[in-house]
């Protein structure tokens, strides 16, 4: 399994359980590792033969910017499902960092893995 990654994708969204959080957009940072077989793309040197990471990033941005979840757990799960359903990805690891959510911490969040990681 090869891994295509997107690192530190910053997106503004409504996220949180507190009333003030429901009125403002906050920055969440996504790190994605996407399992795909890149051998055909490496041989052909053609974008159509690989996972288009720009298309994945644009889709995640569009989804997250319009979402309004309370929990980062829900946000992570929903983003994972979008990717797995819409792109040729067998496995993914998704890290969501809600920066500034806890005083004296750089960030807090969740890491999930979904799909089947072939060796």
N, C-alpha and C. Protein backbone atom coordinates (compact mmCIF):
# COMPACT_ATOMS: atom_id res chain seq x y z
N UNK A 1 0.85 -1.18 0.00
CA UNK A 1 0.00 0.00 0.00
C UNK A 1 0.88 1.23 0.00
N UNK A 2 0.68 2.08 -0.98
CA UNK A 2 1.38 3.36 -1.03
C UNK A 2 0.53 4.40 -0.30
N UNK A 3 1.16 5.45 0.15
CA UNK A 3 0.45 6.48 0.90
C UNK A 3 0.67 7.84 0.25
N UNK A 4 -0.42 8.45 -0.13
CA UNK A 4 -0.41 9.84 -0.59
C UNK A 4 -0.86 10.67 0.60
N UNK A 5 -0.15 11.76 0.90
CA UNK A 5 -0.52 12.52 2.08
C UNK A 5 -0.81 13.98 1.76
N UNK A 6 -1.66 14.55 2.59
CA UNK A 6 -1.96 15.98 2.59
C UNK A 6 -1.70 16.44 4.01
N UNK A 7 -0.82 17.41 4.16
CA UNK A 7 -0.38 17.82 5.48
C UNK A 7 -0.81 19.24 5.81
N UNK A 8 -1.32 19.41 7.01
CA UNK A 8 -1.69 20.72 7.56
C UNK A 8 -2.67 21.50 6.67
N UNK A 9 -3.71 20.84 6.24
CA UNK A 9 -4.78 21.49 5.48
C UNK A 9 -5.65 22.27 6.46
N UNK A 10 -5.58 23.58 6.39
CA UNK A 10 -6.29 24.46 7.34
C UNK A 10 -7.64 24.86 6.74
N UNK A 11 -8.70 24.66 7.54
CA UNK A 11 -10.05 24.95 7.08
C UNK A 11 -10.81 25.65 8.19
N UNK A 12 -11.56 26.67 7.84
CA UNK A 12 -12.41 27.40 8.78
C UNK A 12 -13.80 26.76 8.77
N UNK A 13 -14.34 26.49 9.97
CA UNK A 13 -15.65 25.88 10.08
C UNK A 13 -16.29 26.17 11.43
N UNK A 14 -17.57 25.93 11.52
CA UNK A 14 -18.27 25.99 12.81
C UNK A 14 -18.11 24.62 13.45
N UNK A 15 -17.49 24.60 14.64
CA UNK A 15 -17.26 23.34 15.35
C UNK A 15 -17.27 23.63 16.85
N UNK A 16 -18.00 22.84 17.59
CA UNK A 16 -17.97 23.00 19.04
C UNK A 16 -19.34 22.85 19.67
N UNK A 17 -19.32 22.68 20.98
CA UNK A 17 -20.56 22.45 21.74
C UNK A 17 -21.03 23.69 22.47
N UNK A 18 -20.16 24.66 22.65
CA UNK A 18 -20.55 25.85 23.40
C UNK A 18 -21.25 26.86 22.50
N UNK A 19 -22.14 27.64 23.10
CA UNK A 19 -22.93 28.61 22.34
C UNK A 19 -22.05 29.56 21.53
N UNK A 20 -20.98 30.06 22.13
CA UNK A 20 -20.12 31.00 21.41
C UNK A 20 -19.45 30.33 20.20
N UNK A 21 -19.18 29.01 20.30
CA UNK A 21 -18.56 28.28 19.20
C UNK A 21 -19.51 28.12 18.01
N UNK A 22 -20.78 28.17 18.28
CA UNK A 22 -21.78 28.00 17.22
C UNK A 22 -21.95 29.28 16.41
N UNK A 23 -21.37 30.39 16.90
CA UNK A 23 -21.53 31.69 16.24
C UNK A 23 -20.30 32.12 15.44
N UNK A 24 -19.20 31.41 15.58
CA UNK A 24 -17.96 31.81 14.91
C UNK A 24 -17.35 30.62 14.17
N UNK A 25 -16.53 30.95 13.20
CA UNK A 25 -15.76 29.90 12.53
C UNK A 25 -14.41 29.77 13.22
N UNK A 26 -13.98 28.53 13.37
CA UNK A 26 -12.69 28.23 13.98
C UNK A 26 -11.84 27.46 12.97
N UNK A 27 -10.54 27.52 13.15
CA UNK A 27 -9.64 26.79 12.27
C UNK A 27 -9.42 25.38 12.78
N UNK A 28 -9.61 24.42 11.89
CA UNK A 28 -9.23 23.04 12.16
C UNK A 28 -8.16 22.67 11.14
N UNK A 29 -7.23 21.85 11.56
CA UNK A 29 -6.14 21.43 10.69
C UNK A 29 -6.25 19.93 10.46
N UNK A 30 -6.21 19.56 9.17
CA UNK A 30 -6.31 18.16 8.78
C UNK A 30 -4.96 17.66 8.26
N UNK A 31 -4.59 16.47 8.71
CA UNK A 31 -3.49 15.72 8.14
C UNK A 31 -4.08 14.41 7.65
N UNK A 32 -3.89 14.12 6.38
CA UNK A 32 -4.47 12.93 5.78
C UNK A 32 -3.39 12.04 5.20
N UNK A 33 -3.52 10.75 5.42
CA UNK A 33 -2.73 9.74 4.74
C UNK A 33 -3.72 8.85 4.02
N UNK A 34 -3.54 8.73 2.72
CA UNK A 34 -4.51 8.04 1.87
C UNK A 34 -3.85 6.85 1.19
N UNK A 35 -4.36 5.66 1.44
CA UNK A 35 -3.79 4.45 0.87
C UNK A 35 -4.26 4.24 -0.56
N UNK A 36 -3.29 4.18 -1.46
CA UNK A 36 -3.58 3.97 -2.88
C UNK A 36 -2.39 3.28 -3.52
N UNK A 37 -2.64 2.58 -4.60
CA UNK A 37 -1.56 1.94 -5.36
C UNK A 37 -1.13 2.91 -6.46
N UNK A 38 0.09 3.40 -6.39
CA UNK A 38 0.54 4.43 -7.34
C UNK A 38 1.39 3.84 -8.48
N UNK A 39 1.54 2.53 -8.55
CA UNK A 39 2.42 1.94 -9.55
C UNK A 39 2.02 2.26 -10.98
N UNK A 40 0.74 2.20 -11.29
CA UNK A 40 0.29 2.51 -12.66
C UNK A 40 0.60 3.96 -13.00
N UNK A 41 0.35 4.87 -12.06
CA UNK A 41 0.63 6.28 -12.29
C UNK A 41 2.13 6.51 -12.48
N UNK A 42 2.93 5.82 -11.69
CA UNK A 42 4.38 5.97 -11.82
C UNK A 42 4.86 5.50 -13.19
N UNK A 43 4.24 4.45 -13.71
CA UNK A 43 4.62 3.93 -15.03
C UNK A 43 4.14 4.81 -16.16
N UNK A 44 2.92 5.34 -16.04
CA UNK A 44 2.33 6.12 -17.14
C UNK A 44 2.64 7.61 -17.05
N UNK A 45 2.96 8.09 -15.86
CA UNK A 45 3.18 9.51 -15.60
C UNK A 45 1.93 10.34 -15.96
N UNK A 46 0.75 9.74 -15.72
CA UNK A 46 -0.52 10.39 -16.07
C UNK A 46 -1.36 10.61 -14.81
N UNK A 47 -1.87 11.82 -14.68
CA UNK A 47 -2.69 12.18 -13.52
C UNK A 47 -3.94 11.30 -13.41
N UNK A 48 -4.47 10.85 -14.54
CA UNK A 48 -5.68 10.03 -14.51
C UNK A 48 -5.44 8.66 -13.88
N UNK A 49 -4.19 8.28 -13.72
CA UNK A 49 -3.87 6.97 -13.15
C UNK A 49 -3.54 7.02 -11.67
N UNK A 50 -3.74 8.15 -11.04
CA UNK A 50 -3.40 8.26 -9.62
C UNK A 50 -4.53 8.91 -8.85
N UNK A 51 -4.38 8.97 -7.56
CA UNK A 51 -5.30 9.70 -6.70
C UNK A 51 -4.94 11.18 -6.79
N UNK A 52 -5.86 11.98 -7.24
CA UNK A 52 -5.62 13.41 -7.42
C UNK A 52 -5.76 14.10 -6.06
N UNK A 53 -4.64 14.39 -5.42
CA UNK A 53 -4.70 14.97 -4.08
C UNK A 53 -5.30 16.36 -4.08
N UNK A 54 -5.19 17.09 -5.18
CA UNK A 54 -5.83 18.41 -5.24
C UNK A 54 -7.36 18.26 -5.21
N UNK A 55 -7.87 17.28 -5.93
CA UNK A 55 -9.32 17.04 -5.92
C UNK A 55 -9.79 16.61 -4.54
N UNK A 56 -9.01 15.77 -3.86
CA UNK A 56 -9.36 15.35 -2.50
C UNK A 56 -9.39 16.57 -1.58
N UNK A 57 -8.35 17.40 -1.63
CA UNK A 57 -8.28 18.58 -0.76
C UNK A 57 -9.45 19.52 -1.02
N UNK A 58 -9.76 19.77 -2.29
CA UNK A 58 -10.87 20.67 -2.61
C UNK A 58 -12.20 20.12 -2.09
N UNK A 59 -12.39 18.81 -2.17
CA UNK A 59 -13.64 18.21 -1.69
C UNK A 59 -13.73 18.29 -0.18
N UNK A 60 -12.62 18.03 0.52
CA UNK A 60 -12.61 18.12 1.98
C UNK A 60 -12.88 19.56 2.40
N UNK A 61 -12.23 20.51 1.76
CA UNK A 61 -12.46 21.92 2.09
C UNK A 61 -13.92 22.29 1.91
N UNK A 62 -14.51 21.93 0.77
CA UNK A 62 -15.91 22.25 0.50
C UNK A 62 -16.84 21.63 1.55
N UNK A 63 -16.57 20.39 1.92
CA UNK A 63 -17.41 19.71 2.90
C UNK A 63 -17.28 20.35 4.28
N UNK A 64 -16.06 20.57 4.72
CA UNK A 64 -15.81 21.07 6.08
C UNK A 64 -16.29 22.50 6.23
N UNK A 65 -16.05 23.35 5.23
CA UNK A 65 -16.46 24.75 5.33
C UNK A 65 -17.96 24.90 5.52
N UNK A 66 -18.75 23.98 5.00
CA UNK A 66 -20.21 24.09 5.12
C UNK A 66 -20.78 23.25 6.26
N UNK A 67 -19.92 22.50 6.95
CA UNK A 67 -20.41 21.67 8.05
C UNK A 67 -20.57 22.49 9.32
N UNK A 68 -21.34 21.94 10.26
CA UNK A 68 -21.55 22.60 11.55
C UNK A 68 -21.70 21.55 12.65
N UNK A 69 -20.71 20.70 12.78
CA UNK A 69 -20.75 19.65 13.78
C UNK A 69 -20.37 20.19 15.16
N UNK A 70 -20.81 19.48 16.17
CA UNK A 70 -20.43 19.83 17.53
C UNK A 70 -19.10 19.18 17.91
N UNK A 71 -18.89 17.95 17.50
CA UNK A 71 -17.72 17.19 17.93
C UNK A 71 -16.72 16.99 16.79
N UNK A 72 -15.43 17.04 17.13
CA UNK A 72 -14.40 16.73 16.12
C UNK A 72 -14.49 15.26 15.73
N UNK A 73 -14.98 14.41 16.62
CA UNK A 73 -15.17 13.00 16.28
C UNK A 73 -16.14 12.83 15.12
N UNK A 74 -17.24 13.56 15.17
CA UNK A 74 -18.23 13.49 14.09
C UNK A 74 -17.66 14.06 12.81
N UNK A 75 -16.98 15.19 12.90
CA UNK A 75 -16.36 15.79 11.73
C UNK A 75 -15.38 14.83 11.08
N UNK A 76 -14.52 14.22 11.87
CA UNK A 76 -13.53 13.28 11.33
C UNK A 76 -14.20 12.10 10.64
N UNK A 77 -15.20 11.53 11.28
CA UNK A 77 -15.89 10.37 10.70
C UNK A 77 -16.57 10.73 9.39
N UNK A 78 -17.22 11.86 9.34
CA UNK A 78 -17.92 12.27 8.12
C UNK A 78 -16.94 12.57 6.98
N UNK A 79 -15.83 13.21 7.28
CA UNK A 79 -14.81 13.47 6.25
C UNK A 79 -14.25 12.16 5.73
N UNK A 80 -13.97 11.23 6.62
CA UNK A 80 -13.46 9.92 6.21
C UNK A 80 -14.44 9.23 5.26
N UNK A 81 -15.72 9.28 5.58
CA UNK A 81 -16.72 8.64 4.73
C UNK A 81 -16.79 9.29 3.35
N UNK A 82 -16.72 10.60 3.30
CA UNK A 82 -16.72 11.31 2.01
C UNK A 82 -15.55 10.83 1.15
N UNK A 83 -14.37 10.78 1.73
CA UNK A 83 -13.19 10.37 0.97
C UNK A 83 -13.31 8.93 0.49
N UNK A 84 -13.68 8.03 1.39
CA UNK A 84 -13.77 6.61 1.03
C UNK A 84 -14.84 6.34 -0.02
N UNK A 85 -15.92 7.11 0.01
CA UNK A 85 -17.01 6.90 -0.95
C UNK A 85 -16.76 7.55 -2.30
N UNK A 86 -16.00 8.65 -2.33
CA UNK A 86 -15.87 9.42 -3.56
C UNK A 86 -14.53 9.28 -4.28
N UNK A 87 -13.54 8.65 -3.64
CA UNK A 87 -12.21 8.55 -4.24
C UNK A 87 -11.70 7.12 -4.14
N UNK A 88 -10.78 6.74 -5.04
CA UNK A 88 -10.23 5.38 -5.03
C UNK A 88 -9.19 5.20 -3.92
N UNK A 89 -9.68 5.19 -2.69
CA UNK A 89 -8.84 5.06 -1.51
C UNK A 89 -9.30 3.83 -0.74
N UNK A 90 -8.37 2.92 -0.47
CA UNK A 90 -8.70 1.70 0.26
C UNK A 90 -8.62 1.90 1.77
N UNK A 91 -7.79 2.84 2.18
CA UNK A 91 -7.51 3.06 3.60
C UNK A 91 -7.14 4.52 3.81
N UNK A 92 -7.47 5.05 4.99
CA UNK A 92 -7.01 6.40 5.30
C UNK A 92 -6.76 6.55 6.79
N UNK A 93 -5.83 7.43 7.09
CA UNK A 93 -5.60 7.90 8.45
C UNK A 93 -5.86 9.40 8.40
N UNK A 94 -6.70 9.86 9.30
CA UNK A 94 -7.13 11.26 9.31
C UNK A 94 -6.89 11.83 10.70
N UNK A 95 -6.19 12.93 10.74
CA UNK A 95 -5.93 13.62 12.00
C UNK A 95 -6.60 14.99 11.92
N UNK A 96 -7.44 15.28 12.91
CA UNK A 96 -8.11 16.57 12.99
C UNK A 96 -7.61 17.27 14.25
N UNK A 97 -7.08 18.47 14.07
CA UNK A 97 -6.52 19.26 15.16
C UNK A 97 -7.35 20.53 15.31
N UNK A 98 -8.00 20.67 16.43
CA UNK A 98 -8.78 21.88 16.73
C UNK A 98 -7.87 22.79 17.55
N UNK A 99 -7.19 23.67 16.85
CA UNK A 99 -6.18 24.51 17.51
C UNK A 99 -6.86 25.50 18.46
N UNK A 100 -6.19 25.74 19.57
CA UNK A 100 -6.68 26.70 20.54
C UNK A 100 -7.85 26.24 21.38
N UNK A 101 -8.21 24.98 21.31
CA UNK A 101 -9.38 24.50 22.04
C UNK A 101 -9.12 24.34 23.54
N UNK A 102 -7.87 24.12 23.91
CA UNK A 102 -7.52 23.95 25.31
C UNK A 102 -6.37 24.90 25.62
N UNK A 103 -6.54 25.66 26.68
CA UNK A 103 -5.51 26.61 27.09
C UNK A 103 -4.20 25.88 27.37
N UNK A 104 -3.12 26.49 26.95
CA UNK A 104 -1.76 25.98 27.13
C UNK A 104 -1.43 24.76 26.27
N UNK A 105 -2.30 24.42 25.34
CA UNK A 105 -2.04 23.32 24.41
C UNK A 105 -2.02 23.86 22.98
N UNK A 106 -1.10 23.37 22.19
CA UNK A 106 -1.03 23.79 20.79
C UNK A 106 -2.29 23.37 20.04
N UNK A 107 -2.83 22.24 20.40
CA UNK A 107 -4.05 21.77 19.75
C UNK A 107 -4.54 20.50 20.41
N UNK A 108 -5.77 20.16 20.11
CA UNK A 108 -6.36 18.90 20.55
C UNK A 108 -7.15 18.34 19.38
N UNK A 109 -7.42 17.06 19.43
CA UNK A 109 -8.18 16.50 18.32
C UNK A 109 -8.25 15.00 18.38
N UNK A 110 -8.29 14.43 17.19
CA UNK A 110 -8.51 12.99 17.08
C UNK A 110 -7.78 12.46 15.85
N UNK A 111 -7.38 11.21 15.94
CA UNK A 111 -6.82 10.49 14.80
C UNK A 111 -7.66 9.25 14.60
N UNK A 112 -8.15 9.05 13.37
CA UNK A 112 -8.91 7.84 13.06
C UNK A 112 -8.30 7.16 11.85
N UNK A 113 -8.52 5.87 11.75
CA UNK A 113 -8.16 5.09 10.57
C UNK A 113 -9.40 4.35 10.12
N UNK A 114 -9.62 4.37 8.82
CA UNK A 114 -10.77 3.67 8.25
C UNK A 114 -10.34 2.95 6.98
N UNK A 115 -11.07 1.90 6.64
CA UNK A 115 -10.78 1.12 5.46
C UNK A 115 -9.84 -0.03 5.78
N UNK A 116 -9.34 -0.67 4.73
CA UNK A 116 -8.46 -1.83 4.88
C UNK A 116 -7.08 -1.49 4.32
N UNK A 117 -6.10 -1.58 5.18
CA UNK A 117 -4.73 -1.27 4.79
C UNK A 117 -4.03 -2.53 4.32
N UNK A 118 -3.87 -2.66 3.01
CA UNK A 118 -3.18 -3.82 2.44
C UNK A 118 -1.68 -3.63 2.63
N UNK A 119 -0.99 -4.68 2.85
CA UNK A 119 0.47 -4.61 3.03
C UNK A 119 1.18 -4.77 1.72
